Amino acid sequence: MKSELIQQLAAENDGILFSREAVKRGISRENLRLAVQAGLLENAGRGVYITPDALPDDSFILQSMYNDAIFSHETAGYYLGYTTRDPIIYCVTVQSGHNSKLLKREDVKVYYTKEIKPEDIVEATTIFGRNIRCFNIEKTICDMCSPRFYGDKDVALEILKTYVRSGNKDVSKLMYYATTAKVEKTVRGYMEVLL
C-alpha cells in the first residue's frame, strides 16, 4: 500500500495530501483508497485527504481543489484583516465562462467577472498559516459596492470603515477600481461620509 510514502507526503503538507500530488509521486488512487480504509487518511473532499490528527484548512483545500477560484467579497475582507466576522459561506470569483457546477456543490457563493488580472490578486494567510489568493482590498470594496453584490451589507460597511481608518489605504487605487467597475458614485459617497 506504500503507507510510509503516503505518511511522508502527508507530513510534508501538514497532514494534507492531494491525490494529484500523490499520483505524481507514484502512489495510485487505489493505494489512497486503501489508506482511507486502514485509517491512515480521511477523505476531506474530491481528491483531498487528511491525516486523522490534522485540522482541515477548508479555505486552503477549497482553493487547491478549484485553482481558478479567487477569494473575494466578505471572504477576502476577512482574510485581509478588514473584518472580524469569519465567513460562514466562502465567496469566490471566477472568470466568466468557467464551469462552476462542482464549485457550487461546495456551498460557496460564486461571482463572475470578465477578467481576472494578476495585479488584482494578493496573497493572504489562513488561520493555519497556509497561503491563499484573494482580491486586493480596493477591488474587494468596489465589488461589494456593485449592485450585483448580494452579500452581507453590514460586513461590507465594516470592511469599508476599517479601510478608511487603516494606514494602508490607497484612495487613488480605490477610485481607479471604482471607475473601472462603474461604482465611482457609490464609493465616492461612502468615502465622503467616512473620511
N, C-alpha and C. Protein backbone atom coordinates (compact mmCIF):
# COMPACT_ATOMS: atom_id res chain seq x y z
N MET A 1 0.82 -1.20 0.00
CA MET A 1 0.00 0.00 0.00
C MET A 1 0.86 1.27 0.00
N LYS A 2 2.14 1.18 0.24
CA LYS A 2 3.04 2.33 0.28
C LYS A 2 2.68 3.28 1.42
N SER A 3 2.35 2.71 2.57
CA SER A 3 1.89 3.53 3.69
C SER A 3 2.96 4.51 4.17
N GLU A 4 4.23 4.12 4.14
CA GLU A 4 5.29 5.02 4.60
C GLU A 4 5.39 6.25 3.70
N LEU A 5 5.31 6.04 2.39
CA LEU A 5 5.38 7.15 1.45
C LEU A 5 4.15 8.05 1.59
N ILE A 6 3.00 7.44 1.80
CA ILE A 6 1.76 8.22 1.99
C ILE A 6 1.89 9.09 3.24
N GLN A 7 2.37 8.51 4.33
CA GLN A 7 2.53 9.28 5.57
C GLN A 7 3.57 10.39 5.41
N GLN A 8 4.64 10.10 4.67
CA GLN A 8 5.68 11.10 4.43
C GLN A 8 5.14 12.29 3.63
N LEU A 9 4.40 11.99 2.56
CA LEU A 9 3.82 13.06 1.74
C LEU A 9 2.83 13.90 2.53
N ALA A 10 2.00 13.24 3.31
CA ALA A 10 1.03 13.97 4.13
C ALA A 10 1.75 14.84 5.16
N ALA A 11 2.81 14.32 5.75
CA ALA A 11 3.57 15.09 6.75
C ALA A 11 4.22 16.33 6.13
N GLU A 12 4.65 16.23 4.87
CA GLU A 12 5.27 17.36 4.19
C GLU A 12 4.30 18.52 4.02
N ASN A 13 3.02 18.22 4.01
CA ASN A 13 1.99 19.25 3.81
C ASN A 13 1.11 19.43 5.05
N ASP A 14 1.67 19.26 6.23
CA ASP A 14 0.94 19.44 7.49
C ASP A 14 -0.32 18.60 7.56
N GLY A 15 -0.24 17.36 7.05
CA GLY A 15 -1.36 16.44 7.18
C GLY A 15 -2.35 16.45 6.04
N ILE A 16 -2.10 17.27 5.00
CA ILE A 16 -2.99 17.32 3.84
C ILE A 16 -2.29 16.67 2.64
N LEU A 17 -3.03 15.82 1.94
CA LEU A 17 -2.48 15.13 0.78
C LEU A 17 -3.47 15.24 -0.37
N PHE A 18 -2.98 15.73 -1.51
CA PHE A 18 -3.79 15.85 -2.71
C PHE A 18 -3.50 14.67 -3.61
N SER A 19 -4.56 14.06 -4.14
CA SER A 19 -4.36 12.85 -4.95
C SER A 19 -3.50 13.14 -6.17
N ARG A 20 -3.61 14.32 -6.77
CA ARG A 20 -2.80 14.62 -7.96
C ARG A 20 -1.31 14.62 -7.62
N GLU A 21 -0.97 15.10 -6.41
CA GLU A 21 0.44 15.09 -5.98
C GLU A 21 0.89 13.67 -5.67
N ALA A 22 0.01 12.91 -5.05
CA ALA A 22 0.35 11.52 -4.71
C ALA A 22 0.60 10.70 -5.97
N VAL A 23 -0.24 10.88 -6.98
CA VAL A 23 -0.08 10.14 -8.24
C VAL A 23 1.26 10.50 -8.89
N LYS A 24 1.61 11.79 -8.84
CA LYS A 24 2.91 12.22 -9.41
C LYS A 24 4.08 11.53 -8.71
N ARG A 25 3.90 11.21 -7.44
CA ARG A 25 4.98 10.60 -6.65
C ARG A 25 4.88 9.08 -6.63
N GLY A 26 4.02 8.50 -7.47
CA GLY A 26 3.97 7.05 -7.61
C GLY A 26 2.98 6.32 -6.72
N ILE A 27 2.05 7.05 -6.13
CA ILE A 27 1.03 6.42 -5.29
C ILE A 27 -0.26 6.37 -6.10
N SER A 28 -0.80 5.20 -6.27
CA SER A 28 -2.02 5.05 -7.06
C SER A 28 -3.24 5.48 -6.26
N ARG A 29 -4.32 5.75 -6.96
CA ARG A 29 -5.57 6.10 -6.29
C ARG A 29 -6.09 4.92 -5.46
N GLU A 30 -5.79 3.72 -5.92
CA GLU A 30 -6.17 2.52 -5.15
C GLU A 30 -5.43 2.49 -3.81
N ASN A 31 -4.14 2.88 -3.82
CA ASN A 31 -3.38 2.95 -2.56
C ASN A 31 -3.99 3.99 -1.61
N LEU A 32 -4.48 5.09 -2.16
CA LEU A 32 -5.11 6.11 -1.33
C LEU A 32 -6.42 5.58 -0.73
N ARG A 33 -7.18 4.85 -1.55
CA ARG A 33 -8.42 4.25 -1.06
C ARG A 33 -8.13 3.27 0.08
N LEU A 34 -7.08 2.47 -0.09
CA LEU A 34 -6.70 1.50 0.95
C LEU A 34 -6.22 2.21 2.21
N ALA A 35 -5.53 3.35 2.03
CA ALA A 35 -5.07 4.12 3.19
C ALA A 35 -6.25 4.68 3.98
N VAL A 36 -7.31 5.04 3.28
CA VAL A 36 -8.52 5.51 3.96
C VAL A 36 -9.16 4.36 4.73
N GLN A 37 -9.25 3.19 4.10
CA GLN A 37 -9.82 2.02 4.77
C GLN A 37 -9.01 1.63 6.00
N ALA A 38 -7.69 1.79 5.93
CA ALA A 38 -6.81 1.42 7.04
C ALA A 38 -6.79 2.48 8.14
N GLY A 39 -7.41 3.63 7.89
CA GLY A 39 -7.44 4.68 8.90
C GLY A 39 -6.24 5.61 8.88
N LEU A 40 -5.37 5.49 7.87
CA LEU A 40 -4.20 6.38 7.76
C LEU A 40 -4.61 7.75 7.25
N LEU A 41 -5.65 7.80 6.42
CA LEU A 41 -6.14 9.05 5.84
C LEU A 41 -7.65 9.12 5.98
N GLU A 42 -8.16 10.34 5.88
CA GLU A 42 -9.60 10.58 5.81
C GLU A 42 -9.86 11.37 4.55
N ASN A 43 -10.99 11.13 3.93
CA ASN A 43 -11.35 11.85 2.72
C ASN A 43 -11.89 13.22 3.11
N ALA A 44 -11.24 14.29 2.63
CA ALA A 44 -11.65 15.65 3.00
C ALA A 44 -12.34 16.37 1.85
N GLY A 45 -12.48 15.73 0.73
CA GLY A 45 -13.09 16.35 -0.44
C GLY A 45 -12.63 15.64 -1.68
N ARG A 46 -13.09 16.11 -2.81
CA ARG A 46 -12.73 15.49 -4.09
C ARG A 46 -11.22 15.60 -4.31
N GLY A 47 -10.54 14.46 -4.21
CA GLY A 47 -9.10 14.42 -4.45
C GLY A 47 -8.26 14.97 -3.32
N VAL A 48 -8.83 15.11 -2.13
CA VAL A 48 -8.11 15.66 -0.98
C VAL A 48 -8.25 14.73 0.21
N TYR A 49 -7.12 14.45 0.85
CA TYR A 49 -7.10 13.57 2.01
C TYR A 49 -6.36 14.28 3.14
N ILE A 50 -6.75 13.97 4.38
CA ILE A 50 -6.03 14.49 5.54
C ILE A 50 -5.74 13.34 6.49
N THR A 51 -4.71 13.53 7.29
CA THR A 51 -4.41 12.54 8.32
C THR A 51 -5.41 12.74 9.46
N PRO A 52 -5.68 11.70 10.24
CA PRO A 52 -6.68 11.82 11.31
C PRO A 52 -6.36 12.90 12.34
N ASP A 53 -5.08 13.22 12.53
CA ASP A 53 -4.72 14.23 13.52
C ASP A 53 -4.64 15.65 12.96
N ALA A 54 -4.82 15.81 11.64
CA ALA A 54 -4.72 17.13 11.02
C ALA A 54 -6.02 17.90 11.14
N LEU A 55 -5.89 19.21 11.28
CA LEU A 55 -7.07 20.08 11.27
C LEU A 55 -7.32 20.50 9.82
N PRO A 56 -8.51 20.27 9.32
CA PRO A 56 -8.76 20.62 7.92
C PRO A 56 -8.79 22.14 7.72
N ASP A 57 -7.99 22.62 6.81
CA ASP A 57 -7.93 24.04 6.45
C ASP A 57 -8.84 24.22 5.25
N ASP A 58 -10.13 24.43 5.52
CA ASP A 58 -11.15 24.40 4.47
C ASP A 58 -10.89 25.38 3.34
N SER A 59 -10.47 26.60 3.66
CA SER A 59 -10.25 27.59 2.61
C SER A 59 -9.07 27.21 1.73
N PHE A 60 -8.00 26.70 2.33
CA PHE A 60 -6.84 26.26 1.57
C PHE A 60 -7.21 25.07 0.68
N ILE A 61 -7.96 24.13 1.24
CA ILE A 61 -8.37 22.95 0.48
C ILE A 61 -9.28 23.36 -0.67
N LEU A 62 -10.23 24.25 -0.42
CA LEU A 62 -11.14 24.71 -1.46
C LEU A 62 -10.38 25.33 -2.62
N GLN A 63 -9.45 26.22 -2.31
CA GLN A 63 -8.73 26.88 -3.38
C GLN A 63 -7.77 25.93 -4.09
N SER A 64 -7.27 24.94 -3.38
CA SER A 64 -6.41 23.95 -4.02
C SER A 64 -7.20 23.06 -4.97
N MET A 65 -8.44 22.77 -4.62
CA MET A 65 -9.30 21.95 -5.47
C MET A 65 -9.77 22.73 -6.69
N TYR A 66 -10.01 24.03 -6.52
CA TYR A 66 -10.51 24.90 -7.59
C TYR A 66 -9.54 26.06 -7.76
N ASN A 67 -8.46 25.80 -8.45
CA ASN A 67 -7.35 26.73 -8.56
C ASN A 67 -7.74 28.07 -9.20
N ASP A 68 -8.77 28.09 -10.03
CA ASP A 68 -9.19 29.32 -10.70
C ASP A 68 -10.03 30.22 -9.81
N ALA A 69 -10.47 29.72 -8.67
CA ALA A 69 -11.33 30.50 -7.77
C ALA A 69 -10.47 31.40 -6.89
N ILE A 70 -10.79 32.69 -6.91
CA ILE A 70 -10.09 33.68 -6.08
C ILE A 70 -11.05 34.13 -4.98
N PHE A 71 -10.60 34.11 -3.74
CA PHE A 71 -11.46 34.56 -2.64
C PHE A 71 -11.76 36.05 -2.82
N SER A 72 -13.03 36.40 -2.62
CA SER A 72 -13.47 37.76 -2.88
C SER A 72 -14.51 38.19 -1.84
N HIS A 73 -14.99 39.41 -1.99
CA HIS A 73 -16.06 39.96 -1.18
C HIS A 73 -15.80 39.80 0.32
N GLU A 74 -16.78 39.33 1.10
CA GLU A 74 -16.60 39.25 2.55
C GLU A 74 -15.43 38.34 2.94
N THR A 75 -15.22 37.28 2.17
CA THR A 75 -14.14 36.33 2.49
C THR A 75 -12.79 37.00 2.34
N ALA A 76 -12.60 37.75 1.25
CA ALA A 76 -11.34 38.48 1.07
C ALA A 76 -11.15 39.51 2.18
N GLY A 77 -12.23 40.22 2.52
CA GLY A 77 -12.15 41.20 3.60
C GLY A 77 -11.71 40.58 4.90
N TYR A 78 -12.19 39.38 5.18
CA TYR A 78 -11.80 38.67 6.41
C TYR A 78 -10.32 38.28 6.38
N TYR A 79 -9.90 37.63 5.30
CA TYR A 79 -8.52 37.17 5.24
C TYR A 79 -7.51 38.31 5.12
N LEU A 80 -7.95 39.46 4.64
CA LEU A 80 -7.05 40.62 4.56
C LEU A 80 -7.07 41.43 5.86
N GLY A 81 -7.91 41.02 6.82
CA GLY A 81 -7.91 41.64 8.14
C GLY A 81 -8.79 42.87 8.28
N TYR A 82 -9.79 43.03 7.42
CA TYR A 82 -10.65 44.21 7.48
C TYR A 82 -12.00 43.94 8.14
N THR A 83 -12.26 42.71 8.52
CA THR A 83 -13.44 42.36 9.29
C THR A 83 -13.10 41.19 10.20
N THR A 84 -13.77 41.13 11.32
CA THR A 84 -13.53 40.04 12.27
C THR A 84 -14.55 38.92 12.09
N ARG A 85 -15.50 39.11 11.20
CA ARG A 85 -16.54 38.10 11.00
C ARG A 85 -16.04 36.98 10.11
N ASP A 86 -15.83 35.84 10.72
CA ASP A 86 -15.38 34.65 10.00
C ASP A 86 -16.46 34.26 8.99
N PRO A 87 -16.08 34.07 7.72
CA PRO A 87 -17.11 33.75 6.72
C PRO A 87 -17.77 32.39 6.98
N ILE A 88 -19.08 32.39 7.00
CA ILE A 88 -19.83 31.14 7.14
C ILE A 88 -19.85 30.41 5.81
N ILE A 89 -20.07 31.18 4.75
CA ILE A 89 -20.02 30.66 3.39
C ILE A 89 -18.93 31.43 2.66
N TYR A 90 -18.02 30.72 2.02
CA TYR A 90 -16.94 31.38 1.30
C TYR A 90 -17.47 32.04 0.03
N CYS A 91 -16.91 33.21 -0.28
CA CYS A 91 -17.21 33.91 -1.53
C CYS A 91 -15.98 33.81 -2.42
N VAL A 92 -16.20 33.37 -3.65
CA VAL A 92 -15.11 33.30 -4.62
C VAL A 92 -15.57 33.93 -5.93
N THR A 93 -14.60 34.37 -6.70
CA THR A 93 -14.87 34.90 -8.03
C THR A 93 -14.10 34.08 -9.04
N VAL A 94 -14.77 33.75 -10.13
CA VAL A 94 -14.14 33.03 -11.24
C VAL A 94 -14.40 33.82 -12.51
N GLN A 95 -13.62 33.53 -13.52
CA GLN A 95 -13.79 34.20 -14.80
C GLN A 95 -15.07 33.71 -15.48
N SER A 96 -15.76 34.62 -16.15
CA SER A 96 -16.98 34.26 -16.88
C SER A 96 -16.69 33.11 -17.83
N GLY A 97 -17.64 32.20 -17.93
CA GLY A 97 -17.45 31.04 -18.79
C GLY A 97 -16.87 29.85 -18.06
N HIS A 98 -16.40 30.07 -16.84
CA HIS A 98 -15.85 28.98 -16.03
C HIS A 98 -16.98 28.06 -15.62
N ASN A 99 -16.79 26.77 -15.78
CA ASN A 99 -17.81 25.81 -15.35
C ASN A 99 -17.72 25.65 -13.84
N SER A 100 -18.70 26.20 -13.15
CA SER A 100 -18.64 26.21 -11.68
C SER A 100 -19.64 25.27 -11.04
N LYS A 101 -20.12 24.28 -11.77
CA LYS A 101 -21.09 23.34 -11.19
C LYS A 101 -20.53 22.64 -9.96
N LEU A 102 -19.29 22.13 -10.08
CA LEU A 102 -18.69 21.45 -8.93
C LEU A 102 -18.42 22.42 -7.79
N LEU A 103 -18.01 23.62 -8.13
CA LEU A 103 -17.73 24.63 -7.12
C LEU A 103 -18.99 24.99 -6.34
N LYS A 104 -20.11 25.07 -7.02
CA LYS A 104 -21.37 25.40 -6.35
C LYS A 104 -21.80 24.30 -5.40
N ARG A 105 -21.38 23.07 -5.66
CA ARG A 105 -21.68 21.97 -4.74
C ARG A 105 -20.95 22.11 -3.42
N GLU A 106 -19.89 22.89 -3.41
CA GLU A 106 -19.09 23.10 -2.19
C GLU A 106 -19.76 24.10 -1.25
N ASP A 107 -20.93 24.60 -1.60
CA ASP A 107 -21.67 25.56 -0.78
C ASP A 107 -20.90 26.86 -0.63
N VAL A 108 -20.53 27.45 -1.77
CA VAL A 108 -19.87 28.75 -1.79
C VAL A 108 -20.69 29.70 -2.67
N LYS A 109 -20.54 30.99 -2.42
CA LYS A 109 -21.13 31.99 -3.31
C LYS A 109 -20.15 32.20 -4.44
N VAL A 110 -20.62 32.04 -5.66
CA VAL A 110 -19.76 32.20 -6.82
C VAL A 110 -20.16 33.48 -7.56
N TYR A 111 -19.18 34.36 -7.73
CA TYR A 111 -19.35 35.57 -8.53
C TYR A 111 -18.54 35.39 -9.81
N TYR A 112 -18.94 36.12 -10.85
CA TYR A 112 -18.25 36.01 -12.13
C TYR A 112 -17.72 37.37 -12.56
N THR A 113 -16.60 37.36 -13.25
CA THR A 113 -16.01 38.58 -13.79
C THR A 113 -15.48 38.29 -15.18
N LYS A 114 -15.38 39.33 -16.00
CA LYS A 114 -14.90 39.15 -17.37
C LYS A 114 -13.43 38.76 -17.39
N GLU A 115 -12.67 39.36 -16.47
CA GLU A 115 -11.22 39.13 -16.48
C GLU A 115 -10.66 39.19 -15.07
N ILE A 116 -9.75 38.30 -14.77
CA ILE A 116 -9.02 38.34 -13.50
C ILE A 116 -7.58 38.71 -13.83
N LYS A 117 -7.17 39.87 -13.37
CA LYS A 117 -5.82 40.37 -13.66
C LYS A 117 -4.88 40.02 -12.50
N PRO A 118 -3.64 39.68 -12.81
CA PRO A 118 -2.68 39.34 -11.74
C PRO A 118 -2.51 40.46 -10.71
N GLU A 119 -2.60 41.71 -11.14
CA GLU A 119 -2.43 42.82 -10.19
C GLU A 119 -3.61 42.98 -9.23
N ASP A 120 -4.73 42.30 -9.52
CA ASP A 120 -5.89 42.34 -8.62
C ASP A 120 -5.74 41.38 -7.45
N ILE A 121 -4.77 40.47 -7.54
CA ILE A 121 -4.66 39.36 -6.58
C ILE A 121 -3.52 39.60 -5.60
N VAL A 122 -3.79 39.32 -4.33
CA VAL A 122 -2.75 39.37 -3.29
C VAL A 122 -2.80 38.05 -2.52
N GLU A 123 -1.71 37.75 -1.85
CA GLU A 123 -1.69 36.56 -1.00
C GLU A 123 -2.13 36.92 0.40
N ALA A 124 -2.88 36.02 0.99
CA ALA A 124 -3.29 36.16 2.39
C ALA A 124 -2.96 34.83 3.07
N THR A 125 -3.14 34.80 4.37
CA THR A 125 -2.81 33.60 5.13
C THR A 125 -4.03 33.12 5.90
N THR A 126 -4.26 31.81 5.88
CA THR A 126 -5.35 31.24 6.65
C THR A 126 -4.96 31.19 8.13
N ILE A 127 -5.90 30.87 8.98
CA ILE A 127 -5.58 30.79 10.41
C ILE A 127 -4.60 29.66 10.70
N PHE A 128 -4.43 28.74 9.73
CA PHE A 128 -3.48 27.64 9.89
C PHE A 128 -2.12 27.97 9.27
N GLY A 129 -1.97 29.20 8.75
CA GLY A 129 -0.69 29.64 8.22
C GLY A 129 -0.42 29.28 6.77
N ARG A 130 -1.44 28.84 6.06
CA ARG A 130 -1.24 28.48 4.64
C ARG A 130 -1.63 29.66 3.76
N ASN A 131 -0.94 29.79 2.64
CA ASN A 131 -1.20 30.90 1.71
C ASN A 131 -2.39 30.60 0.81
N ILE A 132 -3.22 31.63 0.64
CA ILE A 132 -4.34 31.57 -0.29
C ILE A 132 -4.33 32.87 -1.10
N ARG A 133 -5.10 32.90 -2.19
CA ARG A 133 -5.16 34.08 -3.04
C ARG A 133 -6.51 34.77 -2.87
N CYS A 134 -6.44 36.10 -2.69
CA CYS A 134 -7.63 36.94 -2.55
C CYS A 134 -7.50 38.13 -3.49
N PHE A 135 -8.62 38.77 -3.76
CA PHE A 135 -8.55 40.06 -4.44
C PHE A 135 -8.04 41.09 -3.45
N ASN A 136 -7.32 42.11 -3.95
CA ASN A 136 -6.82 43.16 -3.06
C ASN A 136 -8.00 43.92 -2.46
N ILE A 137 -7.74 44.67 -1.42
CA ILE A 137 -8.81 45.29 -0.65
C ILE A 137 -9.57 46.34 -1.46
N GLU A 138 -8.88 47.07 -2.33
CA GLU A 138 -9.56 48.09 -3.13
C GLU A 138 -10.57 47.45 -4.09
N LYS A 139 -10.16 46.38 -4.75
CA LYS A 139 -11.08 45.67 -5.66
C LYS A 139 -12.22 45.05 -4.84
N THR A 140 -11.89 44.51 -3.68
CA THR A 140 -12.90 43.91 -2.81
C THR A 140 -13.98 44.92 -2.44
N ILE A 141 -13.57 46.12 -2.03
CA ILE A 141 -14.53 47.16 -1.65
C ILE A 141 -15.42 47.52 -2.84
N CYS A 142 -14.82 47.69 -4.00
CA CYS A 142 -15.62 48.05 -5.19
C CYS A 142 -16.57 46.93 -5.58
N ASP A 143 -16.14 45.69 -5.44
CA ASP A 143 -17.02 44.56 -5.73
C ASP A 143 -18.24 44.57 -4.80
N MET A 144 -18.02 44.97 -3.54
CA MET A 144 -19.12 44.98 -2.58
C MET A 144 -20.01 46.22 -2.74
N CYS A 145 -19.57 47.20 -3.50
CA CYS A 145 -20.40 48.37 -3.80
C CYS A 145 -21.20 48.18 -5.09
N SER A 146 -20.99 47.07 -5.74
CA SER A 146 -21.68 46.78 -7.00
C SER A 146 -23.13 46.37 -6.74
N PRO A 147 -24.04 46.73 -7.65
CA PRO A 147 -25.42 46.27 -7.49
C PRO A 147 -25.56 44.74 -7.59
N ARG A 148 -24.54 44.08 -8.13
CA ARG A 148 -24.59 42.61 -8.23
C ARG A 148 -24.17 41.93 -6.93
N PHE A 149 -23.72 42.70 -5.96
CA PHE A 149 -23.32 42.13 -4.67
C PHE A 149 -24.57 41.74 -3.88
N TYR A 150 -24.67 40.49 -3.49
CA TYR A 150 -25.83 40.03 -2.74
C TYR A 150 -25.42 39.43 -1.40
N GLY A 151 -24.38 40.00 -0.82
CA GLY A 151 -23.88 39.51 0.46
C GLY A 151 -24.34 40.37 1.63
N ASP A 152 -23.63 40.27 2.72
CA ASP A 152 -23.95 40.95 3.97
C ASP A 152 -23.50 42.41 3.91
N LYS A 153 -24.44 43.33 3.84
CA LYS A 153 -24.15 44.77 3.73
C LYS A 153 -23.46 45.29 5.00
N ASP A 154 -23.78 44.70 6.17
CA ASP A 154 -23.13 45.14 7.41
C ASP A 154 -21.64 44.82 7.39
N VAL A 155 -21.29 43.66 6.87
CA VAL A 155 -19.87 43.29 6.76
C VAL A 155 -19.18 44.20 5.76
N ALA A 156 -19.85 44.50 4.66
CA ALA A 156 -19.28 45.40 3.64
C ALA A 156 -18.98 46.77 4.26
N LEU A 157 -19.90 47.29 5.06
CA LEU A 157 -19.71 48.58 5.71
C LEU A 157 -18.56 48.52 6.72
N GLU A 158 -18.47 47.42 7.47
CA GLU A 158 -17.37 47.26 8.43
C GLU A 158 -16.02 47.25 7.71
N ILE A 159 -15.95 46.55 6.57
CA ILE A 159 -14.71 46.49 5.79
C ILE A 159 -14.34 47.88 5.29
N LEU A 160 -15.31 48.63 4.81
CA LEU A 160 -15.06 49.97 4.31
C LEU A 160 -14.60 50.90 5.43
N LYS A 161 -15.25 50.84 6.59
CA LYS A 161 -14.84 51.68 7.73
C LYS A 161 -13.42 51.34 8.19
N THR A 162 -13.11 50.04 8.26
CA THR A 162 -11.76 49.63 8.67
C THR A 162 -10.72 50.11 7.66
N TYR A 163 -11.07 50.04 6.38
CA TYR A 163 -10.16 50.51 5.32
C TYR A 163 -9.88 52.00 5.48
N VAL A 164 -10.92 52.79 5.73
CA VAL A 164 -10.76 54.24 5.85
C VAL A 164 -9.87 54.58 7.04
N ARG A 165 -9.99 53.82 8.14
CA ARG A 165 -9.18 54.08 9.34
C ARG A 165 -7.75 53.53 9.23
N SER A 166 -7.52 52.64 8.27
CA SER A 166 -6.21 51.98 8.19
C SER A 166 -5.15 52.92 7.62
N GLY A 167 -3.92 52.61 7.94
CA GLY A 167 -2.80 53.38 7.38
C GLY A 167 -2.39 52.87 6.01
N ASN A 168 -3.03 51.81 5.55
CA ASN A 168 -2.66 51.20 4.26
C ASN A 168 -3.60 51.57 3.13
N LYS A 169 -4.44 52.57 3.33
CA LYS A 169 -5.41 52.88 2.27
C LYS A 169 -4.72 53.60 1.11
N ASP A 170 -5.19 53.30 -0.07
CA ASP A 170 -4.70 53.93 -1.30
C ASP A 170 -5.93 54.41 -2.05
N VAL A 171 -6.34 55.64 -1.76
CA VAL A 171 -7.59 56.17 -2.29
C VAL A 171 -7.55 56.28 -3.81
N SER A 172 -6.40 56.63 -4.38
CA SER A 172 -6.33 56.72 -5.85
C SER A 172 -6.53 55.35 -6.48
N LYS A 173 -5.97 54.32 -5.88
CA LYS A 173 -6.18 52.95 -6.39
C LYS A 173 -7.64 52.54 -6.22
N LEU A 174 -8.24 52.90 -5.08
CA LEU A 174 -9.65 52.60 -4.84
C LEU A 174 -10.52 53.26 -5.91
N MET A 175 -10.23 54.52 -6.21
CA MET A 175 -11.04 55.24 -7.20
C MET A 175 -10.80 54.70 -8.60
N TYR A 176 -9.60 54.21 -8.88
CA TYR A 176 -9.34 53.57 -10.18
C TYR A 176 -10.25 52.34 -10.32
N TYR A 177 -10.29 51.50 -9.30
CA TYR A 177 -11.15 50.32 -9.34
C TYR A 177 -12.62 50.72 -9.41
N ALA A 178 -13.00 51.76 -8.67
CA ALA A 178 -14.39 52.22 -8.68
C ALA A 178 -14.80 52.68 -10.07
N THR A 179 -13.92 53.40 -10.76
CA THR A 179 -14.21 53.86 -12.11
C THR A 179 -14.33 52.67 -13.06
N THR A 180 -13.40 51.73 -12.95
CA THR A 180 -13.41 50.55 -13.81
C THR A 180 -14.68 49.73 -13.59
N ALA A 181 -15.12 49.61 -12.34
CA ALA A 181 -16.30 48.80 -12.01
C ALA A 181 -17.61 49.58 -12.13
N LYS A 182 -17.50 50.86 -12.49
CA LYS A 182 -18.67 51.73 -12.65
C LYS A 182 -19.46 51.89 -11.35
N VAL A 183 -18.73 52.00 -10.24
CA VAL A 183 -19.35 52.24 -8.93
C VAL A 183 -18.74 53.48 -8.27
N GLU A 184 -18.18 54.36 -9.11
CA GLU A 184 -17.47 55.53 -8.59
C GLU A 184 -18.36 56.40 -7.72
N LYS A 185 -19.60 56.62 -8.13
CA LYS A 185 -20.51 57.48 -7.37
C LYS A 185 -20.78 56.89 -5.99
N THR A 186 -21.01 55.59 -5.92
CA THR A 186 -21.28 54.92 -4.65
C THR A 186 -20.06 54.98 -3.73
N VAL A 187 -18.90 54.64 -4.27
CA VAL A 187 -17.67 54.63 -3.46
C VAL A 187 -17.35 56.05 -2.99
N ARG A 188 -17.47 57.02 -3.88
CA ARG A 188 -17.18 58.41 -3.51
C ARG A 188 -18.12 58.86 -2.39
N GLY A 189 -19.39 58.47 -2.47
CA GLY A 189 -20.35 58.83 -1.42
C GLY A 189 -19.95 58.27 -0.07
N TYR A 190 -19.56 56.99 -0.04
CA TYR A 190 -19.10 56.38 1.21
C TYR A 190 -17.86 57.09 1.73
N MET A 191 -16.93 57.36 0.84
CA MET A 191 -15.66 57.95 1.27
C MET A 191 -15.90 59.36 1.82
N GLU A 192 -16.80 60.13 1.23
CA GLU A 192 -17.08 61.49 1.74
C GLU A 192 -17.67 61.44 3.13
N VAL A 193 -18.51 60.46 3.39
CA VAL A 193 -19.13 60.34 4.72
C VAL A 193 -18.11 59.86 5.74
N LEU A 194 -17.28 58.89 5.36
CA LEU A 194 -16.40 58.23 6.32
C LEU A 194 -15.06 58.97 6.55
N LEU A 195 -14.62 59.77 5.59
CA LEU A 195 -13.31 60.44 5.76
C LEU A 195 -13.39 61.67 6.62
